[in-house]
Amino acid sequence: MPRPHLTEDTPFLRTADMYQIENDAPITEYSEKTLSLIATADNGGIPEGANAFASVGREKRGTVQMQLFARIDPESERFVEVGFRSHGCLAAIGCATVTAHLLQGKSFEEALAISDDDLLDALDGLPVGRKYTLGYAREAVKALIGDFYLREKHFTLAQLDEVLPCDSMCVDCLLTENCSLRDSRVDQYMREAGEIE
């Protein structure tokens, strides 16, 4: 039985790159710009030649997952092409597609400077209670860059911490229960300790 605050026209998305798995705020609480970005989703999926991957999210009170895939120029360290997959509410899907759009052509420094305000402007706002998805978007950008450094540049943990420090007790990190960069850091620690190859 639907919750009483939901309207009849609240959509449920089921595509290869977008999967809405929870009842959402009424569609009327989302901007036309957000709904248009989701409907178009021209940057869904994995770009050809992708050399970086990120996955962040949570599982409490329903799974939310945001995945970013990028083809990054190893010389200039600029995003050439970025794609996404997202599971969760419309806000998570909107944040994933707009983050992928915003990353196109950016340097790592420019990408890490993307703020909540930049995301909210690109989405024309989000419903109350859905702004936590902005934190996932920012964490996904960090995880994407960290994955590139570990996978393509073969950074040590010390090198990674120098260019992309990790504060495991920051609010965004604590809210992001599942983080591919956190997992990769643990794997790198184990490699450096000689525990795994």
Protein backbone atom coordinates (compact mmCIF):
# COMPACT_ATOMS: atom_id res chain seq x y z
CA MET A 1 0.00 0.00 0.00
CA PRO A 2 1.51 3.38 -0.96
CA ARG A 3 2.28 5.91 1.70
CA PRO A 4 -0.41 8.61 1.92
CA HIS A 5 1.92 11.52 1.01
CA LEU A 6 2.76 10.00 -2.37
CA THR A 7 0.95 11.14 -5.45
CA GLU A 8 -0.36 8.82 -8.14
CA ASP A 9 2.17 10.11 -10.66
CA THR A 10 5.32 9.26 -8.69
CA PRO A 11 7.35 7.30 -11.27
CA PHE A 12 9.35 4.16 -10.75
CA LEU A 13 12.35 3.84 -13.05
CA ARG A 14 13.70 0.50 -14.18
CA THR A 15 16.47 0.82 -16.76
CA ALA A 16 19.98 -0.58 -17.09
CA ASP A 17 21.55 2.54 -15.55
CA MET A 18 18.79 3.90 -13.30
CA TYR A 19 16.82 1.82 -10.84
CA GLN A 20 14.44 3.51 -8.45
CA ILE A 21 13.87 1.12 -5.57
CA GLU A 22 12.06 3.14 -2.94
CA ASN A 23 8.94 5.20 -2.65
CA ASP A 24 9.93 8.75 -3.27
CA ALA A 25 8.85 12.27 -2.55
CA PRO A 26 5.98 13.29 -4.82
CA ILE A 27 7.19 14.09 -8.32
CA THR A 28 5.87 17.64 -7.85
CA GLU A 29 8.69 18.24 -5.33
CA TYR A 30 11.31 17.76 -8.05
CA SER A 31 12.21 20.52 -10.48
CA GLU A 32 11.51 20.21 -14.19
CA LYS A 33 15.27 20.47 -14.72
CA THR A 34 15.97 17.43 -12.51
CA LEU A 35 13.22 15.39 -14.14
CA SER A 36 14.48 16.34 -17.60
CA LEU A 37 18.05 15.28 -16.72
CA ILE A 38 16.76 11.94 -15.45
CA ALA A 39 14.51 11.42 -18.48
CA THR A 40 17.33 12.17 -20.90
CA ALA A 41 20.15 10.39 -19.03
CA ASP A 42 22.40 10.66 -22.06
CA ASN A 43 25.44 9.90 -19.92
CA GLY A 44 24.16 6.64 -18.45
CA GLY A 45 26.42 3.60 -18.57
CA ILE A 46 30.13 2.94 -18.88
CA PRO A 47 32.10 5.01 -21.42
CA GLU A 48 34.28 3.10 -23.86
CA GLY A 49 37.85 2.95 -22.58
CA ALA A 50 36.87 3.80 -18.99
CA ASN A 51 39.90 3.66 -16.70
CA ALA A 52 38.37 4.74 -13.38
CA PHE A 53 35.42 3.51 -11.33
CA ALA A 54 33.67 4.65 -8.15
CA SER A 55 30.79 3.28 -6.10
CA VAL A 56 29.33 4.87 -2.97
CA GLY A 57 26.10 4.47 -1.04
CA ARG A 58 24.25 3.09 1.93
CA GLU A 59 21.99 0.19 2.78
CA LYS A 60 20.09 1.33 5.86
CA ARG A 61 16.47 2.32 5.14
CA GLY A 62 16.78 1.19 1.52
CA THR A 63 19.75 0.79 -0.78
CA VAL A 64 21.18 3.87 -2.43
CA GLN A 65 24.10 3.39 -4.76
CA MET A 66 25.84 5.86 -7.04
CA GLN A 67 28.41 4.58 -9.50
CA LEU A 68 30.60 6.75 -11.71
CA PHE A 69 32.76 5.51 -14.59
CA ALA A 70 35.29 7.71 -16.37
CA ARG A 71 37.76 7.81 -19.18
CA ILE A 72 40.54 10.04 -17.88
CA ASP A 73 43.46 11.33 -19.93
CA PRO A 74 46.53 10.01 -18.05
CA GLU A 75 48.73 12.90 -19.23
CA SER A 76 46.50 15.88 -18.43
CA GLU A 77 44.51 14.13 -15.67
CA ARG A 78 41.30 15.54 -17.12
CA PHE A 79 37.95 13.80 -17.41
CA VAL A 80 37.33 12.98 -21.07
CA GLU A 81 34.03 11.14 -20.68
CA VAL A 82 31.97 10.22 -17.61
CA GLY A 83 29.03 7.86 -17.21
CA PHE A 84 26.89 6.76 -14.28
CA ARG A 85 24.61 4.12 -12.84
CA SER A 86 22.38 4.81 -9.86
CA HIS A 87 19.99 2.90 -7.63
CA GLY A 88 17.71 4.61 -5.13
CA CYS A 89 15.51 7.69 -5.10
CA LEU A 90 15.12 10.24 -7.91
CA ALA A 91 17.46 12.59 -6.02
CA ALA A 92 20.29 10.01 -6.09
CA ILE A 93 19.70 9.38 -9.80
CA GLY A 94 19.59 13.13 -10.51
CA CYS A 95 22.80 13.74 -8.53
CA ALA A 96 24.57 10.93 -10.38
CA THR A 97 23.68 12.18 -13.86
CA VAL A 98 24.42 15.82 -13.08
CA THR A 99 27.77 14.92 -11.45
CA ALA A 100 28.74 12.98 -14.56
CA HIS A 101 27.80 16.04 -16.67
CA LEU A 102 29.75 18.45 -14.45
CA LEU A 103 32.92 16.34 -14.53
CA GLN A 104 33.27 16.41 -18.33
CA GLY A 105 36.50 18.19 -19.29
CA LYS A 106 37.45 19.08 -15.72
CA SER A 107 40.85 18.66 -14.10
CA PHE A 108 41.02 16.77 -10.80
CA GLU A 109 41.37 20.04 -8.91
CA GLU A 110 38.27 21.47 -10.60
CA ALA A 111 36.34 18.23 -9.99
CA LEU A 112 37.14 18.21 -6.27
CA ALA A 113 35.95 21.83 -6.04
CA ILE A 114 32.40 20.90 -7.15
CA SER A 115 30.17 22.02 -4.28
CA ASP A 116 26.65 21.34 -3.03
CA ASP A 117 25.63 24.69 -4.51
CA ASP A 118 27.01 23.67 -7.94
CA LEU A 119 25.02 20.45 -7.80
CA LEU A 120 21.85 22.14 -6.53
CA ASP A 121 22.11 24.81 -9.25
CA ALA A 122 22.50 22.13 -11.92
CA LEU A 123 19.46 20.28 -10.53
CA ASP A 124 17.45 23.42 -9.76
CA GLY A 125 17.10 22.20 -6.17
CA LEU A 126 16.13 18.96 -4.43
CA PRO A 127 13.22 18.05 -2.14
CA VAL A 128 13.65 18.48 1.61
CA GLY A 129 15.09 15.29 3.07
CA ARG A 130 16.89 14.28 -0.13
CA LYS A 131 19.93 16.56 0.06
CA TYR A 132 22.04 13.81 1.65
CA THR A 133 22.52 12.56 -1.92
CA LEU A 134 24.78 15.57 -2.55
CA GLY A 135 27.29 14.07 -0.11
CA TYR A 136 27.29 10.81 -2.06
CA ALA A 137 28.04 12.73 -5.25
CA ARG A 138 31.03 14.49 -3.67
CA GLU A 139 32.33 11.21 -2.21
CA ALA A 140 31.91 9.50 -5.59
CA VAL A 141 34.10 12.16 -7.23
CA LYS A 142 36.85 11.53 -4.66
CA ALA A 143 36.52 7.77 -5.09
CA LEU A 144 36.76 8.10 -8.88
CA ILE A 145 39.97 10.12 -8.66
CA GLY A 146 41.41 7.80 -6.00
CA ASP A 147 40.65 4.76 -8.14
CA PHE A 148 42.49 6.35 -11.07
CA TYR A 149 45.56 7.07 -8.92
CA LEU A 150 45.64 3.54 -7.48
CA ARG A 151 44.77 1.65 -10.66
CA GLU A 152 46.47 3.70 -13.39
CA LYS A 153 49.28 5.50 -11.58
CA HIS A 154 50.00 2.68 -9.08
CA PHE A 155 50.19 5.10 -6.14
CA THR A 156 51.23 3.95 -2.69
CA LEU A 157 48.98 4.88 0.22
CA ALA A 158 51.41 7.62 1.19
CA GLN A 159 51.26 9.11 -2.31
CA LEU A 160 47.46 8.87 -2.36
CA ASP A 161 47.17 10.55 1.06
CA GLU A 162 49.38 13.38 -0.19
CA VAL A 163 47.07 14.28 -3.10
CA LEU A 164 43.73 12.96 -1.80
CA PRO A 165 43.74 12.85 2.01
CA CYS A 166 41.04 10.76 3.64
CA ASP A 167 39.24 11.82 6.81
CA SER A 168 37.37 8.66 7.76
CA MET A 169 35.55 10.55 10.52
CA CYS A 170 34.15 13.36 8.35
CA VAL A 171 30.35 13.53 8.06
CA ASP A 172 30.25 12.57 4.36
CA CYS A 173 32.46 9.52 4.99
CA LEU A 174 30.37 8.41 7.96
CA LEU A 175 27.13 8.77 5.98
CA THR A 176 28.61 6.84 3.06
CA GLU A 177 28.46 3.30 4.43
CA ASN A 178 29.79 1.73 1.22
CA CYS A 179 32.72 3.38 -0.53
CA SER A 180 34.88 1.78 -3.21
CA LEU A 181 37.80 4.08 -2.33
CA ARG A 182 37.67 3.00 1.30
CA ASP A 183 37.80 -0.63 0.13
CA SER A 184 40.67 0.14 -2.27
CA ARG A 185 42.62 1.86 0.51
CA VAL A 186 42.27 -1.26 2.67
CA ASP A 187 43.41 -3.47 -0.24
CA GLN A 188 46.41 -1.20 -0.86
CA TYR A 189 47.30 -1.31 2.84
CA MET A 190 47.19 -5.12 2.71
CA ARG A 191 49.36 -5.16 -0.45
CA GLU A 192 51.94 -2.89 1.13
CA ALA A 193 51.95 -5.09 4.25
CA GLY A 194 52.61 -8.13 2.03
CA GLU A 195 49.32 -9.77 2.99
CA ILE A 196 47.90 -9.89 -0.55
CA GLU A 197 49.36 -9.55 -4.05
